[in-house]
Amino acid sequence: MPPPSTPCTRVCVLDPGTGLCEGCGRTRDEIAAWGSLSEPERKRIMALLPGRRGAEPGRDLRRPAPSPA
């Protein structure tokens, strides 16, 4: 059986502004739950990570984006 997918880069530092790991882009809750997630759920989260890195600086990505007016 192959090992579970992970985006971990072993740079485990949470950015206080965004709430995301500076190494992989996951939230604290995602990191904590990672071992119990299904492989499809891991892949779904991993697909979101590139977009998180391009988010506006200082936006807390642990919270939903505001709706456009």
PDB file of N, CA and C in Angstrom:
ATOM      1  N   MET A   1       0.849  -1.174   0.000  1.00  0.00           N
ATOM      2  CA  MET A   1       0.000   0.000   0.000  1.00  0.00           C
ATOM      3  C   MET A   1       0.901   1.244   0.000  1.00  0.00           C
ATOM      4  N   PRO A   2       0.648   2.191  -0.909  1.00  0.00           N
ATOM      5  CA  PRO A   2       1.476   3.403  -0.950  1.00  0.00           C
ATOM      6  C   PRO A   2       1.203   4.289   0.265  1.00  0.00           C
ATOM      7  N   PRO A   3       2.191   5.095   0.648  1.00  0.00           N
ATOM      8  CA  PRO A   3       1.968   6.004   1.781  1.00  0.00           C
ATOM      9  C   PRO A   3       0.927   7.058   1.417  1.00  0.00           C
ATOM     10  N   PRO A   4       0.254   7.634   2.404  1.00  0.00           N
ATOM     11  CA  PRO A   4      -0.748   8.662   2.103  1.00  0.00           C
ATOM     12  C   PRO A   4      -0.106   9.896   1.486  1.00  0.00           C
ATOM     13  N   SER A   5      -0.841  10.560   0.637  1.00  0.00           N
ATOM     14  CA  SER A   5      -0.367  11.799   0.021  1.00  0.00           C
ATOM     15  C   SER A   5      -0.224  12.873   1.083  1.00  0.00           C
ATOM     16  N   THR A   6       0.774  13.712   0.921  1.00  0.00           N
ATOM     17  CA  THR A   6       0.961  14.833   1.834  1.00  0.00           C
ATOM     18  C   THR A   6       1.690  15.963   1.128  1.00  0.00           C
ATOM     19  N   PRO A   7       1.300  17.207   1.418  1.00  0.00           N
ATOM     20  CA  PRO A   7       2.002  18.348   0.850  1.00  0.00           C
ATOM     21  C   PRO A   7       3.122  18.846   1.775  1.00  0.00           C
ATOM     22  N   CYS A   8       3.342  18.161   2.885  1.00  0.00           N
ATOM     23  CA  CYS A   8       4.291  18.624   3.905  1.00  0.00           C
ATOM     24  C   CYS A   8       5.686  18.815   3.318  1.00  0.00           C
ATOM     25  N   THR A   9       6.276  19.968   3.644  1.00  0.00           N
ATOM     26  CA  THR A   9       7.639  20.270   3.207  1.00  0.00           C
ATOM     27  C   THR A   9       8.602  20.328   4.388  1.00  0.00           C
ATOM     28  N   ARG A  10       8.094  19.987   5.572  1.00  0.00           N
ATOM     29  CA  ARG A  10       8.853  20.006   6.822  1.00  0.00           C
ATOM     30  C   ARG A  10       9.285  21.426   7.219  1.00  0.00           C
ATOM     31  N   VAL A  11       8.541  22.409   6.739  1.00  0.00           N
ATOM     32  CA  VAL A  11       8.701  23.800   7.177  1.00  0.00           C
ATOM     33  C   VAL A  11       7.406  24.110   7.927  1.00  0.00           C
ATOM     34  N   CYS A  12       7.358  23.710   9.170  1.00  0.00           N
ATOM     35  CA  CYS A  12       6.109  23.780   9.940  1.00  0.00           C
ATOM     36  C   CYS A  12       6.054  25.053  10.777  1.00  0.00           C
ATOM     37  N   VAL A  13       5.656  26.138  10.114  1.00  0.00           N
ATOM     38  CA  VAL A  13       5.530  27.440  10.763  1.00  0.00           C
ATOM     39  C   VAL A  13       4.190  28.022  10.320  1.00  0.00           C
ATOM     40  N   LEU A  14       3.314  28.324  11.289  1.00  0.00           N
ATOM     41  CA  LEU A  14       2.032  28.921  10.947  1.00  0.00           C
ATOM     42  C   LEU A  14       2.165  30.435  10.861  1.00  0.00           C
ATOM     43  N   ASP A  15       1.728  30.989   9.741  1.00  0.00           N
ATOM     44  CA  ASP A  15       1.747  32.433   9.543  1.00  0.00           C
ATOM     45  C   ASP A  15       0.628  33.037  10.381  1.00  0.00           C
ATOM     46  N   PRO A  16       0.946  33.988  11.275  1.00  0.00           N
ATOM     47  CA  PRO A  16      -0.097  34.558  12.128  1.00  0.00           C
ATOM     48  C   PRO A  16      -1.144  35.367  11.357  1.00  0.00           C
ATOM     49  N   GLY A  17      -0.799  35.890  10.217  1.00  0.00           N
ATOM     50  CA  GLY A  17      -1.745  36.684   9.433  1.00  0.00           C
ATOM     51  C   GLY A  17      -2.746  35.850   8.671  1.00  0.00           C
ATOM     52  N   THR A  18      -2.278  34.787   8.031  1.00  0.00           N
ATOM     53  CA  THR A  18      -3.166  33.956   7.217  1.00  0.00           C
ATOM     54  C   THR A  18      -3.665  32.733   7.956  1.00  0.00           C
ATOM     55  N   GLY A  19      -2.940  32.301   8.990  1.00  0.00           N
ATOM     56  CA  GLY A  19      -3.312  31.075   9.701  1.00  0.00           C
ATOM     57  C   GLY A  19      -2.879  29.826   8.969  1.00  0.00           C
ATOM     58  N   LEU A  20      -2.044  29.979   7.947  1.00  0.00           N
ATOM     59  CA  LEU A  20      -1.616  28.841   7.134  1.00  0.00           C
ATOM     60  C   LEU A  20      -0.171  28.465   7.422  1.00  0.00           C
ATOM     61  N   CYS A  21       0.141  27.197   7.235  1.00  0.00           N
ATOM     62  CA  CYS A  21       1.521  26.746   7.339  1.00  0.00           C
ATOM     63  C   CYS A  21       2.310  27.376   6.189  1.00  0.00           C
ATOM     64  N   GLU A  22       3.441  27.980   6.524  1.00  0.00           N
ATOM     65  CA  GLU A  22       4.264  28.614   5.496  1.00  0.00           C
ATOM     66  C   GLU A  22       4.904  27.596   4.559  1.00  0.00           C
ATOM     67  N   GLY A  23       5.030  26.347   5.007  1.00  0.00           N
ATOM     68  CA  GLY A  23       5.633  25.325   4.170  1.00  0.00           C
ATOM     69  C   GLY A  23       4.661  24.706   3.182  1.00  0.00           C
ATOM     70  N   CYS A  24       3.466  24.326   3.663  1.00  0.00           N
ATOM     71  CA  CYS A  24       2.550  23.577   2.797  1.00  0.00           C
ATOM     72  C   CYS A  24       1.253  24.296   2.465  1.00  0.00           C
ATOM     73  N   GLY A  25       0.876  25.310   3.250  1.00  0.00           N
ATOM     74  CA  GLY A  25      -0.347  26.050   2.968  1.00  0.00           C
ATOM     75  C   GLY A  25      -1.589  25.517   3.653  1.00  0.00           C
ATOM     76  N   ARG A  26      -1.447  24.467   4.470  1.00  0.00           N
ATOM     77  CA  ARG A  26      -2.620  23.929   5.161  1.00  0.00           C
ATOM     78  C   ARG A  26      -2.906  24.723   6.436  1.00  0.00           C
ATOM     79  N   THR A  27      -4.156  24.630   6.896  1.00  0.00           N
ATOM     80  CA  THR A  27      -4.538  25.222   8.169  1.00  0.00           C
ATOM     81  C   THR A  27      -4.118  24.296   9.297  1.00  0.00           C
ATOM     82  N   ARG A  28      -4.139  24.838  10.512  1.00  0.00           N
ATOM     83  CA  ARG A  28      -3.818  24.024  11.694  1.00  0.00           C
ATOM     84  C   ARG A  28      -4.779  22.829  11.781  1.00  0.00           C
ATOM     85  N   ASP A  29      -6.075  23.058  11.548  1.00  0.00           N
ATOM     86  CA  ASP A  29      -7.062  21.988  11.630  1.00  0.00           C
ATOM     87  C   ASP A  29      -6.810  20.915  10.573  1.00  0.00           C
ATOM     88  N   GLU A  30      -6.451  21.327   9.361  1.00  0.00           N
ATOM     89  CA  GLU A  30      -6.154  20.341   8.312  1.00  0.00           C
ATOM     90  C   GLU A  30      -4.945  19.508   8.677  1.00  0.00           C
ATOM     91  N   ILE A  31      -3.918  20.150   9.215  1.00  0.00           N
ATOM     92  CA  ILE A  31      -2.709  19.420   9.612  1.00  0.00           C
ATOM     93  C   ILE A  31      -3.056  18.410  10.701  1.00  0.00           C
ATOM     94  N   ALA A  32      -3.831  18.841  11.698  1.00  0.00           N
ATOM     95  CA  ALA A  32      -4.192  17.959  12.811  1.00  0.00           C
ATOM     96  C   ALA A  32      -5.023  16.762  12.358  1.00  0.00           C
ATOM     97  N   ALA A  33      -5.907  16.967  11.390  1.00  0.00           N
ATOM     98  CA  ALA A  33      -6.801  15.904  10.935  1.00  0.00           C
ATOM     99  C   ALA A  33      -6.209  15.039   9.836  1.00  0.00           C
ATOM    100  N   TRP A  34      -5.073  15.427   9.281  1.00  0.00           N
ATOM    101  CA  TRP A  34      -4.546  14.799   8.069  1.00  0.00           C
ATOM    102  C   TRP A  34      -4.502  13.271   8.146  1.00  0.00           C
ATOM    103  N   GLY A  35      -4.032  12.731   9.246  1.00  0.00           N
ATOM    104  CA  GLY A  35      -3.908  11.276   9.374  1.00  0.00           C
ATOM    105  C   GLY A  35      -5.221  10.529   9.339  1.00  0.00           C
ATOM    106  N   SER A  36      -6.318  11.200   9.670  1.00  0.00           N
ATOM    107  CA  SER A  36      -7.615  10.526   9.684  1.00  0.00           C
ATOM    108  C   SER A  36      -8.451  10.813   8.437  1.00  0.00           C
ATOM    109  N   LEU A  37      -7.945  11.657   7.535  1.00  0.00           N
ATOM    110  CA  LEU A  37      -8.679  11.968   6.307  1.00  0.00           C
ATOM    111  C   LEU A  37      -8.527  10.845   5.284  1.00  0.00           C
ATOM    112  N   SER A  38      -9.535  10.710   4.442  1.00  0.00           N
ATOM    113  CA  SER A  38      -9.451   9.745   3.344  1.00  0.00           C
ATOM    114  C   SER A  38      -8.512  10.305   2.272  1.00  0.00           C
ATOM    115  N   GLU A  39      -8.015   9.434   1.442  1.00  0.00           N
ATOM    116  CA  GLU A  39      -7.125   9.885   0.364  1.00  0.00           C
ATOM    117  C   GLU A  39      -7.831  10.875  -0.573  1.00  0.00           C
ATOM    118  N   PRO A  40      -9.103  10.643  -0.945  1.00  0.00           N
ATOM    119  CA  PRO A  40      -9.778  11.649  -1.786  1.00  0.00           C
ATOM    120  C   PRO A  40      -9.885  13.010  -1.103  1.00  0.00           C
ATOM    121  N   GLU A  41     -10.121  13.027   0.214  1.00  0.00           N
ATOM    122  CA  GLU A  41     -10.210  14.300   0.931  1.00  0.00           C
ATOM    123  C   GLU A  41      -8.843  14.978   0.971  1.00  0.00           C
ATOM    124  N   ARG A  42      -7.781  14.223   1.168  1.00  0.00           N
ATOM    125  CA  ARG A  42      -6.428  14.801   1.141  1.00  0.00           C
ATOM    126  C   ARG A  42      -6.154  15.438  -0.217  1.00  0.00           C
ATOM    127  N   LYS A  43      -6.491  14.733  -1.271  1.00  0.00           N
ATOM    128  CA  LYS A  43      -6.246  15.255  -2.624  1.00  0.00           C
ATOM    129  C   LYS A  43      -7.086  16.499  -2.902  1.00  0.00           C
ATOM    130  N   ARG A  44      -8.321  16.547  -2.366  1.00  0.00           N
ATOM    131  CA  ARG A  44      -9.170  17.724  -2.540  1.00  0.00           C
ATOM    132  C   ARG A  44      -8.510  18.934  -1.874  1.00  0.00           C
ATOM    133  N   ILE A  45      -8.018  18.757  -0.667  1.00  0.00           N
ATOM    134  CA  ILE A  45      -7.352  19.853   0.044  1.00  0.00           C
ATOM    135  C   ILE A  45      -6.070  20.252  -0.682  1.00  0.00           C
ATOM    136  N   MET A  46      -5.303  19.271  -1.131  1.00  0.00           N
ATOM    137  CA  MET A  46      -4.052  19.573  -1.823  1.00  0.00           C
ATOM    138  C   MET A  46      -4.301  20.380  -3.091  1.00  0.00           C
ATOM    139  N   ALA A  47      -5.431  20.169  -3.741  1.00  0.00           N
ATOM    140  CA  ALA A  47      -5.762  20.922  -4.951  1.00  0.00           C
ATOM    141  C   ALA A  47      -6.036  22.396  -4.636  1.00  0.00           C
ATOM    142  N   LEU A  48      -6.414  22.702  -3.402  1.00  0.00           N
ATOM    143  CA  LEU A  48      -6.696  24.077  -2.998  1.00  0.00           C
ATOM    144  C   LEU A  48      -5.436  24.860  -2.639  1.00  0.00           C
ATOM    145  N   LEU A  49      -4.376  24.176  -2.293  1.00  0.00           N
ATOM    146  CA  LEU A  49      -3.190  24.826  -1.744  1.00  0.00           C
ATOM    147  C   LEU A  49      -2.532  25.853  -2.668  1.00  0.00           C
ATOM    148  N   PRO A  50      -2.371  25.604  -3.955  1.00  0.00           N
ATOM    149  CA  PRO A  50      -1.744  26.622  -4.809  1.00  0.00           C
ATOM    150  C   PRO A  50      -2.512  27.945  -4.802  1.00  0.00           C
ATOM    151  N   GLY A  51      -3.834  27.913  -4.780  1.00  0.00           N
ATOM    152  CA  GLY A  51      -4.638  29.126  -4.747  1.00  0.00           C
ATOM    153  C   GLY A  51      -4.500  29.876  -3.437  1.00  0.00           C
ATOM    154  N   ARG A  52      -4.288  29.161  -2.363  1.00  0.00           N
ATOM    155  CA  ARG A  52      -4.111  29.807  -1.066  1.00  0.00           C
ATOM    156  C   ARG A  52      -2.837  30.627  -1.045  1.00  0.00           C
ATOM    157  N   ARG A  53      -1.820  30.142  -1.659  1.00  0.00           N
ATOM    158  CA  ARG A  53      -0.547  30.862  -1.654  1.00  0.00           C
ATOM    159  C   ARG A  53      -0.639  32.173  -2.421  1.00  0.00           C
ATOM    160  N   GLY A  54      -1.586  32.272  -3.359  1.00  0.00           N
ATOM    161  CA  GLY A  54      -1.735  33.487  -4.142  1.00  0.00           C
ATOM    162  C   GLY A  54      -2.762  34.452  -3.579  1.00  0.00           C
ATOM    163  N   ALA A  55      -3.264  34.182  -2.378  1.00  0.00           N
ATOM    164  CA  ALA A  55      -4.292  35.034  -1.779  1.00  0.00           C
ATOM    165  C   ALA A  55      -3.707  36.382  -1.358  1.00  0.00           C
ATOM    166  N   GLU A  56      -4.574  37.332  -1.189  1.00  0.00           N
ATOM    167  CA  GLU A  56      -4.116  38.662  -0.789  1.00  0.00           C
ATOM    168  C   GLU A  56      -3.393  38.590   0.552  1.00  0.00           C
ATOM    169  N   PRO A  57      -2.306  39.322   0.716  1.00  0.00           N
ATOM    170  CA  PRO A  57      -1.552  39.300   1.968  1.00  0.00           C
ATOM    171  C   PRO A  57      -2.418  39.739   3.144  1.00  0.00           C
ATOM    172  N   GLY A  58      -2.256  39.052   4.251  1.00  0.00           N
ATOM    173  CA  GLY A  58      -2.957  39.413   5.474  1.00  0.00           C
ATOM    174  C   GLY A  58      -4.360  38.854   5.598  1.00  0.00           C
ATOM    175  N   ARG A  59      -4.902  38.260   4.542  1.00  0.00           N
ATOM    176  CA  ARG A  59      -6.254  37.701   4.638  1.00  0.00           C
ATOM    177  C   ARG A  59      -6.205  36.379   5.368  1.00  0.00           C
ATOM    178  N   ASP A  60      -7.027  36.231   6.393  1.00  0.00           N
ATOM    179  CA  ASP A  60      -7.077  35.014   7.186  1.00  0.00           C
ATOM    180  C   ASP A  60      -7.851  33.962   6.388  1.00  0.00           C
ATOM    181  N   LEU A  61      -7.137  32.982   5.858  1.00  0.00           N
ATOM    182  CA  LEU A  61      -7.764  31.978   4.995  1.00  0.00           C
ATOM    183  C   LEU A  61      -8.438  30.866   5.773  1.00  0.00           C
ATOM    184  N   ARG A  62      -8.443  30.970   7.077  1.00  0.00           N
ATOM    185  CA  ARG A  62      -9.196  30.019   7.885  1.00  0.00           C
ATOM    186  C   ARG A  62     -10.678  30.375   7.851  1.00  0.00           C
ATOM    187  N   ARG A  63     -10.982  31.587   7.395  1.00  0.00           N
ATOM    188  CA  ARG A  63     -12.362  32.070   7.356  1.00  0.00           C
ATOM    189  C   ARG A  63     -12.801  32.242   5.894  1.00  0.00           C
ATOM    190  N   PRO A  64     -14.076  32.067   5.613  1.00  0.00           N
ATOM    191  CA  PRO A  64     -14.533  32.227   4.229  1.00  0.00           C
ATOM    192  C   PRO A  64     -14.299  33.644   3.726  1.00  0.00           C
ATOM    193  N   ALA A  65     -14.071  33.741   2.439  1.00  0.00           N
ATOM    194  CA  ALA A  65     -13.893  35.053   1.819  1.00  0.00           C
ATOM    195  C   ALA A  65     -15.211  35.814   1.880  1.00  0.00           C
ATOM    196  N   PRO A  66     -15.133  37.133   2.035  1.00  0.00           N
ATOM    197  CA  PRO A  66     -16.370  37.920   2.027  1.00  0.00           C
ATOM    198  C   PRO A  66     -17.044  37.832   0.670  1.00  0.00           C
ATOM    199  N   SER A  67     -18.374  37.899   0.683  1.00  0.00           N
ATOM    200  CA  SER A  67     -19.126  37.860  -0.575  1.00  0.00           C
ATOM    201  C   SER A  67     -18.939  39.164  -1.322  1.00  0.00           C
ATOM    202  N   PRO A  68     -18.822  39.096  -2.659  1.00  0.00           N
ATOM    203  CA  PRO A  68     -18.705  40.330  -3.422  1.00  0.00           C
ATOM    204  C   PRO A  68     -19.965  41.165  -3.278  1.00  0.00           C
ATOM    205  N   ALA A  69     -19.807  42.455  -3.225  1.00  0.00           N
ATOM    206  CA  ALA A  69     -20.969  43.357  -3.038  1.00  0.00           C
ATOM    207  C   ALA A  69     -21.749  43.552  -4.306  1.00  0.00           C
TER     208      ALA A  69
END
